[in-house]
Amino acid sequence: MLTKVFALLVDDYLNEVAYDAELAGLSFSIRSTTSGFLVSFYGRAPAPPCPQPGAWPVQGLFLRALPDMRSFCMACSRLSVGRVVH
C-alpha cells in the first residue's frame, strides 16, 4: 500500500516534467509492483536518418526525469487533507 502512495506522490512531483514531455509527444509512468517500482518511458523515434545512437527523444526525457526521481523528498503538506469552507 505504501509503495502505491509513494508512486502517486513521485508522479505528482514530476508533473512539470510530464507536462513538457507530453507536449513533445513523450510520456512516462511510475507504478508500484509486488517487488518495487516500474518506471516506463515512452516516445517517438527520431526522423531518419538518426544522427547518432543516443539521439532518441525519450532518452532526453529519461535524463531529465531520473535526477528528479532520485532527489524526491516529500513535503508533509502533500499528505494534508484540505477542507471546504461553505
PDB file of N, CA and C in Angstrom:
ATOM      1  N   MET A   1       0.815  -1.197   0.000  1.00  0.00           N
ATOM      2  CA  MET A   1       0.000   0.000   0.000  1.00  0.00           C
ATOM      3  C   MET A   1       0.860   1.263   0.000  1.00  0.00           C
ATOM      4  N   LEU A   2       1.928   1.268   0.796  1.00  0.00           N
ATOM      5  CA  LEU A   2       2.777   2.453   0.853  1.00  0.00           C
ATOM      6  C   LEU A   2       3.505   2.693  -0.458  1.00  0.00           C
ATOM      7  N   THR A   3       3.838   1.623  -1.169  1.00  0.00           N
ATOM      8  CA  THR A   3       4.503   1.822  -2.462  1.00  0.00           C
ATOM      9  C   THR A   3       3.555   2.485  -3.457  1.00  0.00           C
ATOM     10  N   LYS A   4       2.269   2.187  -3.380  1.00  0.00           N
ATOM     11  CA  LYS A   4       1.296   2.843  -4.259  1.00  0.00           C
ATOM     12  C   LYS A   4       1.224   4.332  -3.954  1.00  0.00           C
ATOM     13  N   VAL A   5       1.191   4.679  -2.680  1.00  0.00           N
ATOM     14  CA  VAL A   5       1.143   6.082  -2.279  1.00  0.00           C
ATOM     15  C   VAL A   5       2.422   6.780  -2.726  1.00  0.00           C
ATOM     16  N   PHE A   6       3.568   6.137  -2.509  1.00  0.00           N
ATOM     17  CA  PHE A   6       4.838   6.727  -2.915  1.00  0.00           C
ATOM     18  C   PHE A   6       4.885   6.958  -4.422  1.00  0.00           C
ATOM     19  N   ALA A   7       4.430   5.977  -5.201  1.00  0.00           N
ATOM     20  CA  ALA A   7       4.419   6.115  -6.658  1.00  0.00           C
ATOM     21  C   ALA A   7       3.529   7.281  -7.086  1.00  0.00           C
ATOM     22  N   LEU A   8       2.384   7.441  -6.463  1.00  0.00           N
ATOM     23  CA  LEU A   8       1.494   8.566  -6.785  1.00  0.00           C
ATOM     24  C   LEU A   8       2.128   9.904  -6.430  1.00  0.00           C
ATOM     25  N   LEU A   9       2.831   9.957  -5.308  1.00  0.00           N
ATOM     26  CA  LEU A   9       3.478  11.196  -4.896  1.00  0.00           C
ATOM     27  C   LEU A   9       4.627  11.567  -5.826  1.00  0.00           C
ATOM     28  N   VAL A  10       5.413  10.582  -6.243  1.00  0.00           N
ATOM     29  CA  VAL A  10       6.503  10.852  -7.186  1.00  0.00           C
ATOM     30  C   VAL A  10       5.923  11.307  -8.520  1.00  0.00           C
ATOM     31  N   ASP A  11       4.866  10.650  -8.966  1.00  0.00           N
ATOM     32  CA  ASP A  11       4.217  11.042 -10.214  1.00  0.00           C
ATOM     33  C   ASP A  11       3.723  12.491 -10.133  1.00  0.00           C
ATOM     34  N   ASP A  12       3.135  12.859  -9.023  1.00  0.00           N
ATOM     35  CA  ASP A  12       2.677  14.232  -8.827  1.00  0.00           C
ATOM     36  C   ASP A  12       3.859  15.196  -8.797  1.00  0.00           C
ATOM     37  N   TYR A  13       4.946  14.808  -8.146  1.00  0.00           N
ATOM     38  CA  TYR A  13       6.149  15.631  -8.045  1.00  0.00           C
ATOM     39  C   TYR A  13       6.731  15.917  -9.428  1.00  0.00           C
ATOM     40  N   LEU A  14       6.633  14.951 -10.333  1.00  0.00           N
ATOM     41  CA  LEU A  14       7.196  15.092 -11.673  1.00  0.00           C
ATOM     42  C   LEU A  14       6.199  15.672 -12.674  1.00  0.00           C
ATOM     43  N   ASN A  15       5.130  16.264 -12.192  1.00  0.00           N
ATOM     44  CA  ASN A  15       4.082  16.785 -13.060  1.00  0.00           C
ATOM     45  C   ASN A  15       4.606  17.808 -14.066  1.00  0.00           C
ATOM     46  N   GLU A  16       5.521  18.667 -13.651  1.00  0.00           N
ATOM     47  CA  GLU A  16       6.064  19.679 -14.555  1.00  0.00           C
ATOM     48  C   GLU A  16       6.836  19.021 -15.704  1.00  0.00           C
ATOM     49  N   VAL A  17       7.625  18.010 -15.379  1.00  0.00           N
ATOM     50  CA  VAL A  17       8.363  17.273 -16.413  1.00  0.00           C
ATOM     51  C   VAL A  17       7.385  16.550 -17.327  1.00  0.00           C
ATOM     52  N   ALA A  18       6.349  15.965 -16.741  1.00  0.00           N
ATOM     53  CA  ALA A  18       5.373  15.208 -17.522  1.00  0.00           C
ATOM     54  C   ALA A  18       4.638  16.103 -18.508  1.00  0.00           C
ATOM     55  N   TYR A  19       4.322  17.314 -18.102  1.00  0.00           N
ATOM     56  CA  TYR A  19       3.599  18.227 -18.989  1.00  0.00           C
ATOM     57  C   TYR A  19       4.461  18.589 -20.201  1.00  0.00           C
ATOM     58  N   ASP A  20       5.710  18.972 -19.957  1.00  0.00           N
ATOM     59  CA  ASP A  20       6.613  19.307 -21.057  1.00  0.00           C
ATOM     60  C   ASP A  20       6.830  18.116 -21.982  1.00  0.00           C
ATOM     61  N   ALA A  21       6.952  16.934 -21.404  1.00  0.00           N
ATOM     62  CA  ALA A  21       7.160  15.727 -22.199  1.00  0.00           C
ATOM     63  C   ALA A  21       5.945  15.430 -23.072  1.00  0.00           C
ATOM     64  N   GLU A  22       4.756  15.605 -22.506  1.00  0.00           N
ATOM     65  CA  GLU A  22       3.536  15.341 -23.269  1.00  0.00           C
ATOM     66  C   GLU A  22       3.414  16.272 -24.471  1.00  0.00           C
ATOM     67  N   LEU A  23       3.808  17.519 -24.296  1.00  0.00           N
ATOM     68  CA  LEU A  23       3.784  18.460 -25.411  1.00  0.00           C
ATOM     69  C   LEU A  23       4.734  18.023 -26.526  1.00  0.00           C
ATOM     70  N   ALA A  24       5.801  17.315 -26.162  1.00  0.00           N
ATOM     71  CA  ALA A  24       6.781  16.852 -27.141  1.00  0.00           C
ATOM     72  C   ALA A  24       6.468  15.453 -27.665  1.00  0.00           C
ATOM     73  N   GLY A  25       5.336  14.875 -27.247  1.00  0.00           N
ATOM     74  CA  GLY A  25       4.962  13.543 -27.714  1.00  0.00           C
ATOM     75  C   GLY A  25       5.627  12.422 -26.944  1.00  0.00           C
ATOM     76  N   LEU A  26       6.084  12.705 -25.733  1.00  0.00           N
ATOM     77  CA  LEU A  26       6.746  11.714 -24.892  1.00  0.00           C
ATOM     78  C   LEU A  26       5.945  11.534 -23.620  1.00  0.00           C
ATOM     79  N   SER A  27       6.170  10.419 -22.935  1.00  0.00           N
ATOM     80  CA  SER A  27       5.493  10.208 -21.660  1.00  0.00           C
ATOM     81  C   SER A  27       6.270   9.204 -20.823  1.00  0.00           C
ATOM     82  N   PHE A  28       5.916   9.153 -19.557  1.00  0.00           N
ATOM     83  CA  PHE A  28       6.487   8.160 -18.668  1.00  0.00           C
ATOM     84  C   PHE A  28       5.462   7.839 -17.601  1.00  0.00           C
ATOM     85  N   SER A  29       5.667   6.738 -16.938  1.00  0.00           N
ATOM     86  CA  SER A  29       4.774   6.370 -15.847  1.00  0.00           C
ATOM     87  C   SER A  29       5.593   5.692 -14.761  1.00  0.00           C
ATOM     88  N   ILE A  30       5.134   5.807 -13.547  1.00  0.00           N
ATOM     89  CA  ILE A  30       5.728   5.106 -12.419  1.00  0.00           C
ATOM     90  C   ILE A  30       4.593   4.430 -11.679  1.00  0.00           C
ATOM     91  N   ARG A  31       4.797   3.165 -11.373  1.00  0.00           N
ATOM     92  CA  ARG A  31       3.759   2.440 -10.630  1.00  0.00           C
ATOM     93  C   ARG A  31       4.409   1.412  -9.723  1.00  0.00           C
ATOM     94  N   SER A  32       3.685   1.035  -8.710  1.00  0.00           N
ATOM     95  CA  SER A  32       4.212   0.059  -7.774  1.00  0.00           C
ATOM     96  C   SER A  32       3.928  -1.346  -8.288  1.00  0.00           C
ATOM     97  N   THR A  33       4.831  -2.254  -7.948  1.00  0.00           N
ATOM     98  CA  THR A  33       4.664  -3.665  -8.274  1.00  0.00           C
ATOM     99  C   THR A  33       4.869  -4.457  -6.990  1.00  0.00           C
ATOM    100  N   THR A  34       4.728  -5.749  -7.066  1.00  0.00           N
ATOM    101  CA  THR A  34       4.926  -6.573  -5.872  1.00  0.00           C
ATOM    102  C   THR A  34       6.373  -6.596  -5.413  1.00  0.00           C
ATOM    103  N   SER A  35       7.300  -6.254  -6.305  1.00  0.00           N
ATOM    104  CA  SER A  35       8.716  -6.290  -5.929  1.00  0.00           C
ATOM    105  C   SER A  35       9.376  -4.915  -5.921  1.00  0.00           C
ATOM    106  N   GLY A  36       8.610  -3.826  -6.057  1.00  0.00           N
ATOM    107  CA  GLY A  36       9.196  -2.492  -6.044  1.00  0.00           C
ATOM    108  C   GLY A  36       8.433  -1.543  -6.942  1.00  0.00           C
ATOM    109  N   PHE A  37       9.160  -0.894  -7.855  1.00  0.00           N
ATOM    110  CA  PHE A  37       8.564   0.076  -8.760  1.00  0.00           C
ATOM    111  C   PHE A  37       8.892  -0.266 -10.201  1.00  0.00           C
ATOM    112  N   LEU A  38       8.010   0.145 -11.079  1.00  0.00           N
ATOM    113  CA  LEU A  38       8.244   0.020 -12.508  1.00  0.00           C
ATOM    114  C   LEU A  38       8.128   1.416 -13.103  1.00  0.00           C
ATOM    115  N   VAL A  39       9.215   1.873 -13.703  1.00  0.00           N
ATOM    116  CA  VAL A  39       9.232   3.176 -14.355  1.00  0.00           C
ATOM    117  C   VAL A  39       9.351   2.927 -15.847  1.00  0.00           C
ATOM    118  N   SER A  40       8.405   3.423 -16.620  1.00  0.00           N
ATOM    119  CA  SER A  40       8.383   3.218 -18.067  1.00  0.00           C
ATOM    120  C   SER A  40       8.459   4.557 -18.774  1.00  0.00           C
ATOM    121  N   PHE A  41       9.216   4.589 -19.851  1.00  0.00           N
ATOM    122  CA  PHE A  41       9.346   5.784 -20.683  1.00  0.00           C
ATOM    123  C   PHE A  41       8.863   5.442 -22.080  1.00  0.00           C
ATOM    124  N   TYR A  42       8.076   6.327 -22.670  1.00  0.00           N
ATOM    125  CA  TYR A  42       7.523   6.105 -23.997  1.00  0.00           C
ATOM    126  C   TYR A  42       7.832   7.323 -24.872  1.00  0.00           C
ATOM    127  N   GLY A  43       8.101   7.077 -26.133  1.00  0.00           N
ATOM    128  CA  GLY A  43       8.355   8.196 -27.015  1.00  0.00           C
ATOM    129  C   GLY A  43       8.438   7.772 -28.461  1.00  0.00           C
ATOM    130  N   ARG A  44       8.648   8.747 -29.285  1.00  0.00           N
ATOM    131  CA  ARG A  44       8.720   8.502 -30.717  1.00  0.00           C
ATOM    132  C   ARG A  44      10.174   8.342 -31.134  1.00  0.00           C
ATOM    133  N   ALA A  45      10.374   7.691 -32.229  1.00  0.00           N
ATOM    134  CA  ALA A  45      11.713   7.540 -32.790  1.00  0.00           C
ATOM    135  C   ALA A  45      12.070   8.818 -33.543  1.00  0.00           C
ATOM    136  N   PRO A  46      13.348   9.168 -33.594  1.00  0.00           N
ATOM    137  CA  PRO A  46      13.728  10.356 -34.358  1.00  0.00           C
ATOM    138  C   PRO A  46      13.543  10.123 -35.852  1.00  0.00           C
ATOM    139  N   ALA A  47      13.398  11.186 -36.585  1.00  0.00           N
ATOM    140  CA  ALA A  47      13.243  11.081 -38.035  1.00  0.00           C
ATOM    141  C   ALA A  47      14.521  10.510 -38.649  1.00  0.00           C
ATOM    142  N   PRO A  48      14.403   9.571 -39.572  1.00  0.00           N
ATOM    143  CA  PRO A  48      15.606   9.003 -40.184  1.00  0.00           C
ATOM    144  C   PRO A  48      16.291  10.026 -41.065  1.00  0.00           C
ATOM    145  N   PRO A  49      17.565   9.988 -41.243  1.00  0.00           N
ATOM    146  CA  PRO A  49      18.471   9.082 -40.536  1.00  0.00           C
ATOM    147  C   PRO A  49      18.763   9.608 -39.135  1.00  0.00           C
ATOM    148  N   CYS A  50      18.859   8.695 -38.199  1.00  0.00           N
ATOM    149  CA  CYS A  50      19.152   9.053 -36.812  1.00  0.00           C
ATOM    150  C   CYS A  50      20.594   9.564 -36.750  1.00  0.00           C
ATOM    151  N   PRO A  51      20.799  10.803 -36.285  1.00  0.00           N
ATOM    152  CA  PRO A  51      22.138  11.386 -36.311  1.00  0.00           C
ATOM    153  C   PRO A  51      23.166  10.646 -35.465  1.00  0.00           C
ATOM    154  N   GLN A  52      22.738  10.092 -34.365  1.00  0.00           N
ATOM    155  CA  GLN A  52      23.655   9.341 -33.514  1.00  0.00           C
ATOM    156  C   GLN A  52      22.846   8.386 -32.658  1.00  0.00           C
ATOM    157  N   PRO A  53      23.483   7.316 -32.143  1.00  0.00           N
ATOM    158  CA  PRO A  53      22.734   6.319 -31.374  1.00  0.00           C
ATOM    159  C   PRO A  53      21.992   6.883 -30.162  1.00  0.00           C
ATOM    160  N   GLY A  54      22.502   7.921 -29.509  1.00  0.00           N
ATOM    161  CA  GLY A  54      21.851   8.453 -28.315  1.00  0.00           C
ATOM    162  C   GLY A  54      20.900   9.593 -28.586  1.00  0.00           C
ATOM    163  N   ALA A  55      20.465   9.758 -29.814  1.00  0.00           N
ATOM    164  CA  ALA A  55      19.641  10.916 -30.173  1.00  0.00           C
ATOM    165  C   ALA A  55      18.146  10.658 -30.052  1.00  0.00           C
ATOM    166  N   TRP A  56      17.744   9.612 -29.403  1.00  0.00           N
ATOM    167  CA  TRP A  56      16.312   9.328 -29.239  1.00  0.00           C
ATOM    168  C   TRP A  56      15.706  10.353 -28.287  1.00  0.00           C
ATOM    169  N   PRO A  57      14.595  10.964 -28.645  1.00  0.00           N
ATOM    170  CA  PRO A  57      13.974  11.978 -27.774  1.00  0.00           C
ATOM    171  C   PRO A  57      13.637  11.450 -26.380  1.00  0.00           C
ATOM    172  N   VAL A  58      13.258  10.181 -26.291  1.00  0.00           N
ATOM    173  CA  VAL A  58      12.886   9.641 -24.986  1.00  0.00           C
ATOM    174  C   VAL A  58      14.098   9.565 -24.060  1.00  0.00           C
ATOM    175  N   GLN A  59      15.289   9.506 -24.622  1.00  0.00           N
ATOM    176  CA  GLN A  59      16.490   9.499 -23.790  1.00  0.00           C
ATOM    177  C   GLN A  59      16.623  10.830 -23.045  1.00  0.00           C
ATOM    178  N   GLY A  60      16.285  11.927 -23.715  1.00  0.00           N
ATOM    179  CA  GLY A  60      16.308  13.232 -23.054  1.00  0.00           C
ATOM    180  C   GLY A  60      15.319  13.289 -21.900  1.00  0.00           C
ATOM    181  N   LEU A  61      14.139  12.705 -22.089  1.00  0.00           N
ATOM    182  CA  LEU A  61      13.151  12.646 -21.016  1.00  0.00           C
ATOM    183  C   LEU A  61      13.691  11.846 -19.841  1.00  0.00           C
ATOM    184  N   PHE A  62      14.295  10.706 -20.143  1.00  0.00           N
ATOM    185  CA  PHE A  62      14.875   9.866 -19.101  1.00  0.00           C
ATOM    186  C   PHE A  62      15.938  10.637 -18.317  1.00  0.00           C
ATOM    187  N   LEU A  63      16.832  11.309 -19.028  1.00  0.00           N
ATOM    188  CA  LEU A  63      17.913  12.052 -18.381  1.00  0.00           C
ATOM    189  C   LEU A  63      17.393  13.242 -17.585  1.00  0.00           C
ATOM    190  N   ARG A  64      16.238  13.776 -17.961  1.00  0.00           N
ATOM    191  CA  ARG A  64      15.631  14.890 -17.228  1.00  0.00           C
ATOM    192  C   ARG A  64      14.876  14.402 -15.990  1.00  0.00           C
ATOM    193  N   ALA A  65      14.165  13.289 -16.116  1.00  0.00           N
ATOM    194  CA  ALA A  65      13.306  12.819 -15.028  1.00  0.00           C
ATOM    195  C   ALA A  65      14.065  12.038 -13.955  1.00  0.00           C
ATOM    196  N   LEU A  66      15.090  11.299 -14.342  1.00  0.00           N
ATOM    197  CA  LEU A  66      15.778  10.429 -13.384  1.00  0.00           C
ATOM    198  C   LEU A  66      16.364  11.190 -12.197  1.00  0.00           C
ATOM    199  N   PRO A  67      17.103  12.285 -12.407  1.00  0.00           N
ATOM    200  CA  PRO A  67      17.622  13.003 -11.232  1.00  0.00           C
ATOM    201  C   PRO A  67      16.503  13.524 -10.316  1.00  0.00           C
ATOM    202  N   ASP A  68      15.387  13.949 -10.909  1.00  0.00           N
ATOM    203  CA  ASP A  68      14.264  14.410 -10.090  1.00  0.00           C
ATOM    204  C   ASP A  68      13.657  13.267  -9.284  1.00  0.00           C
ATOM    205  N   MET A  69      13.597  12.085  -9.873  1.00  0.00           N
ATOM    206  CA  MET A  69      13.084  10.926  -9.137  1.00  0.00           C
ATOM    207  C   MET A  69      14.007  10.578  -7.976  1.00  0.00           C
ATOM    208  N   ARG A  70      15.303  10.651  -8.230  1.00  0.00           N
ATOM    209  CA  ARG A  70      16.279  10.299  -7.192  1.00  0.00           C
ATOM    210  C   ARG A  70      16.304  11.317  -6.065  1.00  0.00           C
ATOM    211  N   SER A  71      16.018  12.588  -6.355  1.00  0.00           N
ATOM    212  CA  SER A  71      16.089  13.622  -5.329  1.00  0.00           C
ATOM    213  C   SER A  71      14.735  13.914  -4.684  1.00  0.00           C
ATOM    214  N   PHE A  72      13.730  13.123  -5.013  1.00  0.00           N
ATOM    215  CA  PHE A  72      12.387  13.359  -4.491  1.00  0.00           C
ATOM    216  C   PHE A  72      12.399  13.352  -2.967  1.00  0.00           C
ATOM    217  N   CYS A  73      11.819  14.381  -2.409  1.00  0.00           N
ATOM    218  CA  CYS A  73      11.654  14.481  -0.962  1.00  0.00           C
ATOM    219  C   CYS A  73      10.235  14.997  -0.728  1.00  0.00           C
ATOM    220  N   MET A  74       9.426  14.197  -0.099  1.00  0.00           N
ATOM    221  CA  MET A  74       8.028  14.535   0.056  1.00  0.00           C
ATOM    222  C   MET A  74       7.823  15.610   1.114  1.00  0.00           C
ATOM    223  N   ALA A  75       7.034  16.593   0.783  1.00  0.00           N
ATOM    224  CA  ALA A  75       6.641  17.612   1.752  1.00  0.00           C
ATOM    225  C   ALA A  75       5.419  17.092   2.510  1.00  0.00           C
ATOM    226  N   CYS A  76       5.425  17.265   3.799  1.00  0.00           N
ATOM    227  CA  CYS A  76       4.304  16.788   4.625  1.00  0.00           C
ATOM    228  C   CYS A  76       2.979  17.411   4.198  1.00  0.00           C
ATOM    229  N   SER A  77       3.037  18.603   3.633  1.00  0.00           N
ATOM    230  CA  SER A  77       1.810  19.275   3.213  1.00  0.00           C
ATOM    231  C   SER A  77       1.092  18.518   2.097  1.00  0.00           C
ATOM    232  N   ARG A  78       1.803  17.679   1.349  1.00  0.00           N
ATOM    233  CA  ARG A  78       1.175  16.909   0.272  1.00  0.00           C
ATOM    234  C   ARG A  78       0.221  15.858   0.822  1.00  0.00           C
ATOM    235  N   LEU A  79       0.383  15.481   2.076  1.00  0.00           N
ATOM    236  CA  LEU A  79      -0.494  14.477   2.678  1.00  0.00           C
ATOM    237  C   LEU A  79      -1.656  15.082   3.444  1.00  0.00           C
ATOM    238  N   SER A  80      -1.641  16.390   3.628  1.00  0.00           N
ATOM    239  CA  SER A  80      -2.720  17.012   4.388  1.00  0.00           C
ATOM    240  C   SER A  80      -4.001  17.047   3.558  1.00  0.00           C
ATOM    241  N   VAL A  81      -5.089  16.954   4.233  1.00  0.00           N
ATOM    242  CA  VAL A  81      -6.385  16.974   3.586  1.00  0.00           C
ATOM    243  C   VAL A  81      -6.967  18.358   3.751  1.00  0.00           C
ATOM    244  N   GLY A  82      -7.309  18.975   2.647  1.00  0.00           N
ATOM    245  CA  GLY A  82      -7.919  20.290   2.724  1.00  0.00           C
ATOM    246  C   GLY A  82      -9.374  20.187   3.090  1.00  0.00           C
ATOM    247  N   ARG A  83      -9.906  21.233   3.664  1.00  0.00           N
ATOM    248  CA  ARG A  83     -11.327  21.205   3.978  1.00  0.00           C
ATOM    249  C   ARG A  83     -12.009  22.341   3.246  1.00  0.00           C
ATOM    250  N   VAL A  84     -13.214  22.111   2.904  1.00  0.00           N
ATOM    251  CA  VAL A  84     -14.004  23.096   2.163  1.00  0.00           C
ATOM    252  C   VAL A  84     -14.810  23.888   3.170  1.00  0.00           C
ATOM    253  N   VAL A  85     -14.702  25.198   3.065  1.00  0.00           N
ATOM    254  CA  VAL A  85     -15.463  26.076   3.952  1.00  0.00           C
ATOM    255  C   VAL A  85     -16.635  26.631   3.149  1.00  0.00           C
ATOM    256  N   HIS A  86     -17.833  26.468   3.680  1.00  0.00           N
ATOM    257  CA  HIS A  86     -19.044  26.935   2.992  1.00  0.00           C
ATOM    258  C   HIS A  86     -19.409  28.316   3.447  1.00  0.00           C
TER     259      HIS A  86
END
